[in-house]
ModelCIF file with pLDDT and N, C-alpha, C, O atoms, coordinates in Angstrom:
data_MODEL
#
_entry.id   MODEL 
#
_entity.id                         1 
_entity.type                       polymer 
_entity.pdbx_number_of_molecules   1 
#
_entity_poly.entity_id                      1 
_entity_poly.type                           'polypeptide(L)' 
_entity_poly.nstd_linkage                   no 
_entity_poly.nstd_monomer                   no 
_entity_poly.pdbx_seq_one_letter_code       WLIPIESRFVHTFGSLHKTALTFAFINLPKTALLIVILIVTAVVLVF 
_entity_poly.pdbx_seq_one_letter_code_can   WLIPIESRFVHTFGSLHKTALTFAFINLPKTALLIVILIVTAVVLVF 
_entity_poly.pdbx_strand_id                 A 
#
loop_
_entity_poly_seq.entity_id 
_entity_poly_seq.num 
_entity_poly_seq.mon_id 
_entity_poly_seq.hetero 
1 1  TRP n 
1 2  LEU n 
1 3  ILE n 
1 4  PRO n 
1 5  ILE n 
1 6  GLU n 
1 7  SER n 
1 8  ARG n 
1 9  PHE n 
1 10 VAL n 
1 11 HIS n 
1 12 THR n 
1 13 PHE n 
1 14 GLY n 
1 15 SER n 
1 16 LEU n 
1 17 HIS n 
1 18 LYS n 
1 19 THR n 
1 20 ALA n 
1 21 LEU n 
1 22 THR n 
1 23 PHE n 
1 24 ALA n 
1 25 PHE n 
1 26 ILE n 
1 27 ASN n 
1 28 LEU n 
1 29 PRO n 
1 30 LYS n 
1 31 THR n 
1 32 ALA n 
1 33 LEU n 
1 34 LEU n 
1 35 ILE n 
1 36 VAL n 
1 37 ILE n 
1 38 LEU n 
1 39 ILE n 
1 40 VAL n 
1 41 THR n 
1 42 ALA n 
1 43 VAL n 
1 44 VAL n 
1 45 LEU n 
1 46 VAL n 
1 47 PHE n 
#
_struct_asym.id          A 
_struct_asym.entity_id   1 
#
loop_
_ma_qa_metric.id 
_ma_qa_metric.mode 
_ma_qa_metric.name 
_ma_qa_metric.software_group_id 
_ma_qa_metric.type 
1 global pLDDT . pLDDT 
2 local  pLDDT . pLDDT 
#
_ma_qa_metric_global.metric_id      1 
_ma_qa_metric_global.metric_value   95.09 
_ma_qa_metric_global.model_id       1 
_ma_qa_metric_global.ordinal_id     1 
#
loop_
_ma_qa_metric_local.label_asym_id 
_ma_qa_metric_local.label_comp_id 
_ma_qa_metric_local.label_seq_id 
_ma_qa_metric_local.metric_id 
_ma_qa_metric_local.metric_value 
_ma_qa_metric_local.model_id 
_ma_qa_metric_local.ordinal_id 
A TRP 1  2 97.00 1 1  
A LEU 2  2 97.00 1 2  
A ILE 3  2 97.00 1 3  
A PRO 4  2 97.00 1 4  
A ILE 5  2 97.00 1 5  
A GLU 6  2 96.00 1 6  
A SER 7  2 95.00 1 7  
A ARG 8  2 94.00 1 8  
A PHE 9  2 93.00 1 9  
A VAL 10 2 90.00 1 10 
A HIS 11 2 91.00 1 11 
A THR 12 2 93.00 1 12 
A PHE 13 2 92.00 1 13 
A GLY 14 2 93.00 1 14 
A SER 15 2 95.00 1 15 
A LEU 16 2 96.00 1 16 
A HIS 17 2 95.00 1 17 
A LYS 18 2 95.00 1 18 
A THR 19 2 94.00 1 19 
A ALA 20 2 96.00 1 20 
A LEU 21 2 95.00 1 21 
A THR 22 2 94.00 1 22 
A PHE 23 2 96.00 1 23 
A ALA 24 2 96.00 1 24 
A PHE 25 2 94.00 1 25 
A ILE 26 2 94.00 1 26 
A ASN 27 2 95.00 1 27 
A LEU 28 2 95.00 1 28 
A PRO 29 2 95.00 1 29 
A LYS 30 2 96.00 1 30 
A THR 31 2 97.00 1 31 
A ALA 32 2 95.00 1 32 
A LEU 33 2 96.00 1 33 
A LEU 34 2 97.00 1 34 
A ILE 35 2 96.00 1 35 
A VAL 36 2 96.00 1 36 
A ILE 37 2 96.00 1 37 
A LEU 38 2 96.00 1 38 
A ILE 39 2 94.00 1 39 
A VAL 40 2 96.00 1 40 
A THR 41 2 96.00 1 41 
A ALA 42 2 95.00 1 42 
A VAL 43 2 96.00 1 43 
A VAL 44 2 96.00 1 44 
A LEU 45 2 95.00 1 45 
A VAL 46 2 94.00 1 46 
A PHE 47 2 95.00 1 47 
#
loop_
_atom_site.group_PDB 
_atom_site.id 
_atom_site.type_symbol 
_atom_site.label_atom_id 
_atom_site.label_alt_id 
_atom_site.label_comp_id 
_atom_site.label_asym_id 
_atom_site.label_entity_id 
_atom_site.label_seq_id 
_atom_site.pdbx_PDB_ins_code 
_atom_site.Cartn_x 
_atom_site.Cartn_y 
_atom_site.Cartn_z 
_atom_site.occupancy 
_atom_site.B_iso_or_equiv 
_atom_site.pdbx_formal_charge 
_atom_site.auth_seq_id 
_atom_site.auth_comp_id 
_atom_site.auth_asym_id 
_atom_site.auth_atom_id 
_atom_site.pdbx_PDB_model_num 
ATOM 1   N N  . TRP A 1 1  ? 82.867 94.971  51.112 1.00 97.00 ? 1  TRP A N  1 
ATOM 2   C CA . TRP A 1 1  ? 83.747 95.819  51.897 1.00 97.00 ? 1  TRP A CA 1 
ATOM 3   C C  . TRP A 1 1  ? 83.561 95.599  53.394 1.00 97.00 ? 1  TRP A C  1 
ATOM 4   O O  . TRP A 1 1  ? 84.515 95.660  54.168 1.00 97.00 ? 1  TRP A O  1 
ATOM 5   N N  . LEU A 1 2  ? 82.331 95.347  53.781 1.00 97.00 ? 2  LEU A N  1 
ATOM 6   C CA . LEU A 1 2  ? 82.024 95.239  55.237 1.00 97.00 ? 2  LEU A CA 1 
ATOM 7   C C  . LEU A 1 2  ? 82.887 94.162  55.899 1.00 97.00 ? 2  LEU A C  1 
ATOM 8   O O  . LEU A 1 2  ? 83.434 94.386  56.979 1.00 97.00 ? 2  LEU A O  1 
ATOM 9   N N  . ILE A 1 3  ? 83.007 93.016  55.271 1.00 97.00 ? 3  ILE A N  1 
ATOM 10  C CA . ILE A 1 3  ? 83.708 91.868  55.914 1.00 97.00 ? 3  ILE A CA 1 
ATOM 11  C C  . ILE A 1 3  ? 85.239 92.206  56.127 1.00 97.00 ? 3  ILE A C  1 
ATOM 12  O O  . ILE A 1 3  ? 85.768 92.030  57.224 1.00 97.00 ? 3  ILE A O  1 
ATOM 13  N N  . PRO A 1 4  ? 85.909 92.685  55.068 1.00 97.00 ? 4  PRO A N  1 
ATOM 14  C CA . PRO A 1 4  ? 87.276 93.052  55.308 1.00 97.00 ? 4  PRO A CA 1 
ATOM 15  C C  . PRO A 1 4  ? 87.475 94.190  56.326 1.00 97.00 ? 4  PRO A C  1 
ATOM 16  O O  . PRO A 1 4  ? 88.418 94.169  57.117 1.00 97.00 ? 4  PRO A O  1 
ATOM 17  N N  . ILE A 1 5  ? 86.581 95.173  56.291 1.00 97.00 ? 5  ILE A N  1 
ATOM 18  C CA . ILE A 1 5  ? 86.694 96.300  57.271 1.00 97.00 ? 5  ILE A CA 1 
ATOM 19  C C  . ILE A 1 5  ? 86.509 95.738  58.668 1.00 97.00 ? 5  ILE A C  1 
ATOM 20  O O  . ILE A 1 5  ? 87.273 96.086  59.568 1.00 97.00 ? 5  ILE A O  1 
ATOM 21  N N  . GLU A 1 6  ? 85.557 94.910  58.872 1.00 96.00 ? 6  GLU A N  1 
ATOM 22  C CA . GLU A 1 6  ? 85.288 94.347  60.200 1.00 96.00 ? 6  GLU A CA 1 
ATOM 23  C C  . GLU A 1 6  ? 86.505 93.510  60.719 1.00 96.00 ? 6  GLU A C  1 
ATOM 24  O O  . GLU A 1 6  ? 86.777 93.446  61.917 1.00 96.00 ? 6  GLU A O  1 
ATOM 25  N N  . SER A 1 7  ? 87.217 92.873  59.746 1.00 95.00 ? 7  SER A N  1 
ATOM 26  C CA . SER A 1 7  ? 88.352 92.099  60.134 1.00 95.00 ? 7  SER A CA 1 
ATOM 27  C C  . SER A 1 7  ? 89.589 92.900  60.554 1.00 95.00 ? 7  SER A C  1 
ATOM 28  O O  . SER A 1 7  ? 90.509 92.392  61.195 1.00 95.00 ? 7  SER A O  1 
ATOM 29  N N  . ARG A 1 8  ? 89.564 94.207  60.152 1.00 94.00 ? 8  ARG A N  1 
ATOM 30  C CA . ARG A 1 8  ? 90.752 95.008  60.355 1.00 94.00 ? 8  ARG A CA 1 
ATOM 31  C C  . ARG A 1 8  ? 90.592 96.188  61.329 1.00 94.00 ? 8  ARG A C  1 
ATOM 32  O O  . ARG A 1 8  ? 91.514 96.509  62.078 1.00 94.00 ? 8  ARG A O  1 
ATOM 33  N N  . PHE A 1 9  ? 89.397 96.836  61.309 1.00 93.00 ? 9  PHE A N  1 
ATOM 34  C CA . PHE A 1 9  ? 89.201 98.049  62.072 1.00 93.00 ? 9  PHE A CA 1 
ATOM 35  C C  . PHE A 1 9  ? 88.058 97.895  63.087 1.00 93.00 ? 9  PHE A C  1 
ATOM 36  O O  . PHE A 1 9  ? 87.227 96.993  62.975 1.00 93.00 ? 9  PHE A O  1 
ATOM 37  N N  . VAL A 1 10 ? 88.037 98.774  64.054 1.00 90.00 ? 10 VAL A N  1 
ATOM 38  C CA . VAL A 1 10 ? 87.006 98.770  65.103 1.00 90.00 ? 10 VAL A CA 1 
ATOM 39  C C  . VAL A 1 10 ? 85.978 99.824  64.781 1.00 90.00 ? 10 VAL A C  1 
ATOM 40  O O  . VAL A 1 10 ? 86.311 101.003 64.659 1.00 90.00 ? 10 VAL A O  1 
ATOM 41  N N  . HIS A 1 11 ? 84.700 99.408  64.638 1.00 91.00 ? 11 HIS A N  1 
ATOM 42  C CA . HIS A 1 11 ? 83.577 100.286 64.353 1.00 91.00 ? 11 HIS A CA 1 
ATOM 43  C C  . HIS A 1 11 ? 82.365 99.848  65.137 1.00 91.00 ? 11 HIS A C  1 
ATOM 44  O O  . HIS A 1 11 ? 82.230 98.688  65.523 1.00 91.00 ? 11 HIS A O  1 
ATOM 45  N N  . THR A 1 12 ? 81.492 100.801 65.360 1.00 93.00 ? 12 THR A N  1 
ATOM 46  C CA . THR A 1 12 ? 80.140 100.443 65.896 1.00 93.00 ? 12 THR A CA 1 
ATOM 47  C C  . THR A 1 12 ? 79.386 99.808  64.758 1.00 93.00 ? 12 THR A C  1 
ATOM 48  O O  . THR A 1 12 ? 79.829 99.835  63.610 1.00 93.00 ? 12 THR A O  1 
ATOM 49  N N  . PHE A 1 13 ? 78.239 99.235  65.081 1.00 92.00 ? 13 PHE A N  1 
ATOM 50  C CA . PHE A 1 13 ? 77.425 98.584  64.099 1.00 92.00 ? 13 PHE A CA 1 
ATOM 51  C C  . PHE A 1 13 ? 77.046 99.537  62.960 1.00 92.00 ? 13 PHE A C  1 
ATOM 52  O O  . PHE A 1 13 ? 77.212 99.214  61.784 1.00 92.00 ? 13 PHE A O  1 
ATOM 53  N N  . GLY A 1 14 ? 76.535 100.712 63.331 1.00 93.00 ? 14 GLY A N  1 
ATOM 54  C CA . GLY A 1 14 ? 76.140 101.678 62.320 1.00 93.00 ? 14 GLY A CA 1 
ATOM 55  C C  . GLY A 1 14 ? 77.306 102.270 61.562 1.00 93.00 ? 14 GLY A C  1 
ATOM 56  O O  . GLY A 1 14 ? 77.220 102.467 60.350 1.00 93.00 ? 14 GLY A O  1 
ATOM 57  N N  . SER A 1 15 ? 78.443 102.569 62.282 1.00 95.00 ? 15 SER A N  1 
ATOM 58  C CA . SER A 1 15 ? 79.620 103.113 61.639 1.00 95.00 ? 15 SER A CA 1 
ATOM 59  C C  . SER A 1 15 ? 80.193 102.120 60.661 1.00 95.00 ? 15 SER A C  1 
ATOM 60  O O  . SER A 1 15 ? 80.671 102.516 59.598 1.00 95.00 ? 15 SER A O  1 
ATOM 61  N N  . LEU A 1 16 ? 80.161 100.802 60.991 1.00 96.00 ? 16 LEU A N  1 
ATOM 62  C CA . LEU A 1 16 ? 80.682 99.768  60.097 1.00 96.00 ? 16 LEU A CA 1 
ATOM 63  C C  . LEU A 1 16 ? 79.959 99.833  58.764 1.00 96.00 ? 16 LEU A C  1 
ATOM 64  O O  . LEU A 1 16 ? 80.605 99.857  57.716 1.00 96.00 ? 16 LEU A O  1 
ATOM 65  N N  . HIS A 1 17 ? 78.642 99.861  58.780 1.00 95.00 ? 17 HIS A N  1 
ATOM 66  C CA . HIS A 1 17 ? 77.920 99.890  57.524 1.00 95.00 ? 17 HIS A CA 1 
ATOM 67  C C  . HIS A 1 17 ? 78.101 101.209 56.708 1.00 95.00 ? 17 HIS A C  1 
ATOM 68  O O  . HIS A 1 17 ? 78.165 101.208 55.479 1.00 95.00 ? 17 HIS A O  1 
ATOM 69  N N  . LYS A 1 18 ? 78.177 102.315 57.463 1.00 95.00 ? 18 LYS A N  1 
ATOM 70  C CA . LYS A 1 18 ? 78.395 103.604 56.805 1.00 95.00 ? 18 LYS A CA 1 
ATOM 71  C C  . LYS A 1 18 ? 79.772 103.621 56.152 1.00 95.00 ? 18 LYS A C  1 
ATOM 72  O O  . LYS A 1 18 ? 79.912 104.084 55.020 1.00 95.00 ? 18 LYS A O  1 
ATOM 73  N N  . THR A 1 19 ? 80.830 103.101 56.879 1.00 94.00 ? 19 THR A N  1 
ATOM 74  C CA . THR A 1 19 ? 82.165 103.065 56.283 1.00 94.00 ? 19 THR A CA 1 
ATOM 75  C C  . THR A 1 19 ? 82.193 102.140 55.056 1.00 94.00 ? 19 THR A C  1 
ATOM 76  O O  . THR A 1 19 ? 82.817 102.477 54.049 1.00 94.00 ? 19 THR A O  1 
ATOM 77  N N  . ALA A 1 20 ? 81.554 101.028 55.126 1.00 96.00 ? 20 ALA A N  1 
ATOM 78  C CA . ALA A 1 20 ? 81.519 100.069 54.001 1.00 96.00 ? 20 ALA A CA 1 
ATOM 79  C C  . ALA A 1 20 ? 80.862 100.721 52.796 1.00 96.00 ? 20 ALA A C  1 
ATOM 80  O O  . ALA A 1 20 ? 81.334 100.563 51.671 1.00 96.00 ? 20 ALA A O  1 
ATOM 81  N N  . LEU A 1 21 ? 79.762 101.464 53.024 1.00 95.00 ? 21 LEU A N  1 
ATOM 82  C CA . LEU A 1 21 ? 79.088 102.134 51.986 1.00 95.00 ? 21 LEU A CA 1 
ATOM 83  C C  . LEU A 1 21 ? 80.008 103.213 51.364 1.00 95.00 ? 21 LEU A C  1 
ATOM 84  O O  . LEU A 1 21 ? 80.059 103.368 50.144 1.00 95.00 ? 21 LEU A O  1 
ATOM 85  N N  . THR A 1 22 ? 80.728 103.952 52.227 1.00 94.00 ? 22 THR A N  1 
ATOM 86  C CA . THR A 1 22 ? 81.640 104.969 51.722 1.00 94.00 ? 22 THR A CA 1 
ATOM 87  C C  . THR A 1 22 ? 82.766 104.377 50.892 1.00 94.00 ? 22 THR A C  1 
ATOM 88  O O  . THR A 1 22 ? 83.142 104.915 49.851 1.00 94.00 ? 22 THR A O  1 
ATOM 89  N N  . PHE A 1 23 ? 83.286 103.281 51.363 1.00 96.00 ? 23 PHE A N  1 
ATOM 90  C CA . PHE A 1 23 ? 84.362 102.617 50.611 1.00 96.00 ? 23 PHE A CA 1 
ATOM 91  C C  . PHE A 1 23 ? 83.856 102.127 49.295 1.00 96.00 ? 23 PHE A C  1 
ATOM 92  O O  . PHE A 1 23 ? 84.573 102.208 48.298 1.00 96.00 ? 23 PHE A O  1 
ATOM 93  N N  . ALA A 1 24 ? 82.640 101.617 49.244 1.00 96.00 ? 24 ALA A N  1 
ATOM 94  C CA . ALA A 1 24 ? 82.067 101.061 48.032 1.00 96.00 ? 24 ALA A CA 1 
ATOM 95  C C  . ALA A 1 24 ? 81.928 102.124 46.940 1.00 96.00 ? 24 ALA A C  1 
ATOM 96  O O  . ALA A 1 24 ? 82.169 101.849 45.765 1.00 96.00 ? 24 ALA A O  1 
ATOM 97  N N  . PHE A 1 25 ? 81.538 103.342 47.336 1.00 94.00 ? 25 PHE A N  1 
ATOM 98  C CA . PHE A 1 25 ? 81.270 104.397 46.334 1.00 94.00 ? 25 PHE A CA 1 
ATOM 99  C C  . PHE A 1 25 ? 82.546 105.174 46.017 1.00 94.00 ? 25 PHE A C  1 
ATOM 100 O O  . PHE A 1 25 ? 82.750 105.573 44.871 1.00 94.00 ? 25 PHE A O  1 
ATOM 101 N N  . ILE A 1 26 ? 83.418 105.398 47.024 1.00 94.00 ? 26 ILE A N  1 
ATOM 102 C CA . ILE A 1 26 ? 84.677 106.079 46.684 1.00 94.00 ? 26 ILE A CA 1 
ATOM 103 C C  . ILE A 1 26 ? 85.578 105.218 45.785 1.00 94.00 ? 26 ILE A C  1 
ATOM 104 O O  . ILE A 1 26 ? 86.305 105.739 44.939 1.00 94.00 ? 26 ILE A O  1 
ATOM 105 N N  . ASN A 1 27 ? 85.521 103.953 45.974 1.00 95.00 ? 27 ASN A N  1 
ATOM 106 C CA . ASN A 1 27 ? 86.346 103.029 45.188 1.00 95.00 ? 27 ASN A CA 1 
ATOM 107 C C  . ASN A 1 27 ? 85.457 102.220 44.241 1.00 95.00 ? 27 ASN A C  1 
ATOM 108 O O  . ASN A 1 27 ? 85.528 100.992 44.199 1.00 95.00 ? 27 ASN A O  1 
ATOM 109 N N  . LEU A 1 28 ? 84.646 102.908 43.507 1.00 95.00 ? 28 LEU A N  1 
ATOM 110 C CA . LEU A 1 28 ? 83.557 102.233 42.671 1.00 95.00 ? 28 LEU A CA 1 
ATOM 111 C C  . LEU A 1 28 ? 84.158 101.251 41.646 1.00 95.00 ? 28 LEU A C  1 
ATOM 112 O O  . LEU A 1 28 ? 83.611 100.156 41.510 1.00 95.00 ? 28 LEU A O  1 
ATOM 113 N N  . PRO A 1 29 ? 85.254 101.569 40.911 1.00 95.00 ? 29 PRO A N  1 
ATOM 114 C CA . PRO A 1 29 ? 85.781 100.554 39.992 1.00 95.00 ? 29 PRO A CA 1 
ATOM 115 C C  . PRO A 1 29 ? 86.261 99.285  40.707 1.00 95.00 ? 29 PRO A C  1 
ATOM 116 O O  . PRO A 1 29 ? 86.026 98.182  40.214 1.00 95.00 ? 29 PRO A O  1 
ATOM 117 N N  . LYS A 1 30 ? 86.934 99.422  41.870 1.00 96.00 ? 30 LYS A N  1 
ATOM 118 C CA . LYS A 1 30 ? 87.367 98.299  42.653 1.00 96.00 ? 30 LYS A CA 1 
ATOM 119 C C  . LYS A 1 30 ? 86.157 97.522  43.198 1.00 96.00 ? 30 LYS A C  1 
ATOM 120 O O  . LYS A 1 30 ? 86.184 96.293  43.261 1.00 96.00 ? 30 LYS A O  1 
ATOM 121 N N  . THR A 1 31 ? 85.136 98.218  43.575 1.00 97.00 ? 31 THR A N  1 
ATOM 122 C CA . THR A 1 31 ? 83.924 97.585  44.074 1.00 97.00 ? 31 THR A CA 1 
ATOM 123 C C  . THR A 1 31 ? 83.305 96.695  43.033 1.00 97.00 ? 31 THR A C  1 
ATOM 124 O O  . THR A 1 31 ? 82.874 95.578  43.319 1.00 97.00 ? 31 THR A O  1 
ATOM 125 N N  . ALA A 1 32 ? 83.264 97.217  41.784 1.00 95.00 ? 32 ALA A N  1 
ATOM 126 C CA . ALA A 1 32 ? 82.766 96.453  40.656 1.00 95.00 ? 32 ALA A CA 1 
ATOM 127 C C  . ALA A 1 32 ? 83.605 95.186  40.429 1.00 95.00 ? 32 ALA A C  1 
ATOM 128 O O  . ALA A 1 32 ? 83.066 94.103  40.198 1.00 95.00 ? 32 ALA A O  1 
ATOM 129 N N  . LEU A 1 33 ? 84.933 95.343  40.499 1.00 96.00 ? 33 LEU A N  1 
ATOM 130 C CA . LEU A 1 33 ? 85.801 94.162  40.318 1.00 96.00 ? 33 LEU A CA 1 
ATOM 131 C C  . LEU A 1 33 ? 85.575 93.124  41.430 1.00 96.00 ? 33 LEU A C  1 
ATOM 132 O O  . LEU A 1 33 ? 85.553 91.918  41.183 1.00 96.00 ? 33 LEU A O  1 
ATOM 133 N N  . LEU A 1 34 ? 85.412 93.626  42.644 1.00 97.00 ? 34 LEU A N  1 
ATOM 134 C CA . LEU A 1 34 ? 85.178 92.694  43.801 1.00 97.00 ? 34 LEU A CA 1 
ATOM 135 C C  . LEU A 1 34 ? 83.904 91.966  43.644 1.00 97.00 ? 34 LEU A C  1 
ATOM 136 O O  . LEU A 1 34 ? 83.841 90.781  43.970 1.00 97.00 ? 34 LEU A O  1 
ATOM 137 N N  . ILE A 1 35 ? 82.846 92.620  43.147 1.00 96.00 ? 35 ILE A N  1 
ATOM 138 C CA . ILE A 1 35 ? 81.582 91.967  42.912 1.00 96.00 ? 35 ILE A CA 1 
ATOM 139 C C  . ILE A 1 35 ? 81.715 90.936  41.784 1.00 96.00 ? 35 ILE A C  1 
ATOM 140 O O  . ILE A 1 35 ? 81.174 89.835  41.888 1.00 96.00 ? 35 ILE A O  1 
ATOM 141 N N  . VAL A 1 36 ? 82.424 91.282  40.717 1.00 96.00 ? 36 VAL A N  1 
ATOM 142 C CA . VAL A 1 36 ? 82.642 90.344  39.592 1.00 96.00 ? 36 VAL A CA 1 
ATOM 143 C C  . VAL A 1 36 ? 83.413 89.123  40.079 1.00 96.00 ? 36 VAL A C  1 
ATOM 144 O O  . VAL A 1 36 ? 83.049 88.010  39.699 1.00 96.00 ? 36 VAL A O  1 
ATOM 145 N N  . ILE A 1 37 ? 84.425 89.257  40.871 1.00 96.00 ? 37 ILE A N  1 
ATOM 146 C CA . ILE A 1 37 ? 85.219 88.189  41.435 1.00 96.00 ? 37 ILE A CA 1 
ATOM 147 C C  . ILE A 1 37 ? 84.295 87.260  42.266 1.00 96.00 ? 37 ILE A C  1 
ATOM 148 O O  . ILE A 1 37 ? 84.370 86.034  42.181 1.00 96.00 ? 37 ILE A O  1 
ATOM 149 N N  . LEU A 1 38 ? 83.423 87.905  43.072 1.00 96.00 ? 38 LEU A N  1 
ATOM 150 C CA . LEU A 1 38 ? 82.487 87.119  43.926 1.00 96.00 ? 38 LEU A CA 1 
ATOM 151 C C  . LEU A 1 38 ? 81.483 86.319  43.110 1.00 96.00 ? 38 LEU A C  1 
ATOM 152 O O  . LEU A 1 38 ? 81.246 85.137  43.361 1.00 96.00 ? 38 LEU A O  1 
ATOM 153 N N  . ILE A 1 39 ? 80.919 86.977  42.157 1.00 94.00 ? 39 ILE A N  1 
ATOM 154 C CA . ILE A 1 39 ? 79.870 86.318  41.321 1.00 94.00 ? 39 ILE A CA 1 
ATOM 155 C C  . ILE A 1 39 ? 80.464 85.179  40.480 1.00 94.00 ? 39 ILE A C  1 
ATOM 156 O O  . ILE A 1 39 ? 79.894 84.092  40.379 1.00 94.00 ? 39 ILE A O  1 
ATOM 157 N N  . VAL A 1 40 ? 81.641 85.467  39.876 1.00 96.00 ? 40 VAL A N  1 
ATOM 158 C CA . VAL A 1 40 ? 82.297 84.424  39.097 1.00 96.00 ? 40 VAL A CA 1 
ATOM 159 C C  . VAL A 1 40 ? 82.609 83.199  39.946 1.00 96.00 ? 40 VAL A C  1 
ATOM 160 O O  . VAL A 1 40 ? 82.368 82.069  39.523 1.00 96.00 ? 40 VAL A O  1 
ATOM 161 N N  . THR A 1 41 ? 83.159 83.427  41.175 1.00 96.00 ? 41 THR A N  1 
ATOM 162 C CA . THR A 1 41 ? 83.421 82.376  42.095 1.00 96.00 ? 41 THR A CA 1 
ATOM 163 C C  . THR A 1 41 ? 82.145 81.565  42.460 1.00 96.00 ? 41 THR A C  1 
ATOM 164 O O  . THR A 1 41 ? 82.151 80.335  42.497 1.00 96.00 ? 41 THR A O  1 
ATOM 165 N N  . ALA A 1 42 ? 81.090 82.297  42.716 1.00 95.00 ? 42 ALA A N  1 
ATOM 166 C CA . ALA A 1 42 ? 79.823 81.581  43.045 1.00 95.00 ? 42 ALA A CA 1 
ATOM 167 C C  . ALA A 1 42 ? 79.316 80.736  41.904 1.00 95.00 ? 42 ALA A C  1 
ATOM 168 O O  . ALA A 1 42 ? 78.855 79.614  42.115 1.00 95.00 ? 42 ALA A O  1 
ATOM 169 N N  . VAL A 1 43 ? 79.396 81.271  40.670 1.00 96.00 ? 43 VAL A N  1 
ATOM 170 C CA . VAL A 1 43 ? 78.930 80.524  39.473 1.00 96.00 ? 43 VAL A CA 1 
ATOM 171 C C  . VAL A 1 43 ? 79.794 79.256  39.295 1.00 96.00 ? 43 VAL A C  1 
ATOM 172 O O  . VAL A 1 43 ? 79.286 78.164  39.041 1.00 96.00 ? 43 VAL A O  1 
ATOM 173 N N  . VAL A 1 44 ? 81.105 79.447  39.438 1.00 96.00 ? 44 VAL A N  1 
ATOM 174 C CA . VAL A 1 44 ? 82.002 78.262  39.234 1.00 96.00 ? 44 VAL A CA 1 
ATOM 175 C C  . VAL A 1 44 ? 81.665 77.216  40.308 1.00 96.00 ? 44 VAL A C  1 
ATOM 176 O O  . VAL A 1 44 ? 81.592 76.030  39.988 1.00 96.00 ? 44 VAL A O  1 
ATOM 177 N N  . LEU A 1 45 ? 81.462 77.607  41.536 1.00 95.00 ? 45 LEU A N  1 
ATOM 178 C CA . LEU A 1 45 ? 81.116 76.666  42.597 1.00 95.00 ? 45 LEU A CA 1 
ATOM 179 C C  . LEU A 1 45 ? 79.779 75.965  42.365 1.00 95.00 ? 45 LEU A C  1 
ATOM 180 O O  . LEU A 1 45 ? 79.622 74.809  42.758 1.00 95.00 ? 45 LEU A O  1 
ATOM 181 N N  . VAL A 1 46 ? 78.816 76.630  41.740 1.00 94.00 ? 46 VAL A N  1 
ATOM 182 C CA . VAL A 1 46 ? 77.576 75.990  41.420 1.00 94.00 ? 46 VAL A CA 1 
ATOM 183 C C  . VAL A 1 46 ? 77.763 74.792  40.448 1.00 94.00 ? 46 VAL A C  1 
ATOM 184 O O  . VAL A 1 46 ? 77.157 73.730  40.592 1.00 94.00 ? 46 VAL A O  1 
ATOM 185 N N  . PHE A 1 47 ? 78.657 75.044  39.438 1.00 95.00 ? 47 PHE A N  1 
ATOM 186 C CA . PHE A 1 47 ? 78.851 74.010  38.451 1.00 95.00 ? 47 PHE A CA 1 
ATOM 187 C C  . PHE A 1 47 ? 79.977 73.026  38.806 1.00 95.00 ? 47 PHE A C  1 
ATOM 188 O O  . PHE A 1 47 ? 80.245 72.095  38.047 1.00 95.00 ? 47 PHE A O  1 
#
């Protein structure tokens, strides 16, 4: 969440991480899917 938030909104360093943490827990199912997409991509790139 941190990377997309930083690309779109203006936050201080601490506020950026706090907002990313909030987004991660409020949108927990989406966060899980985002992690799965990331991990699957990483595994495919390894092979």
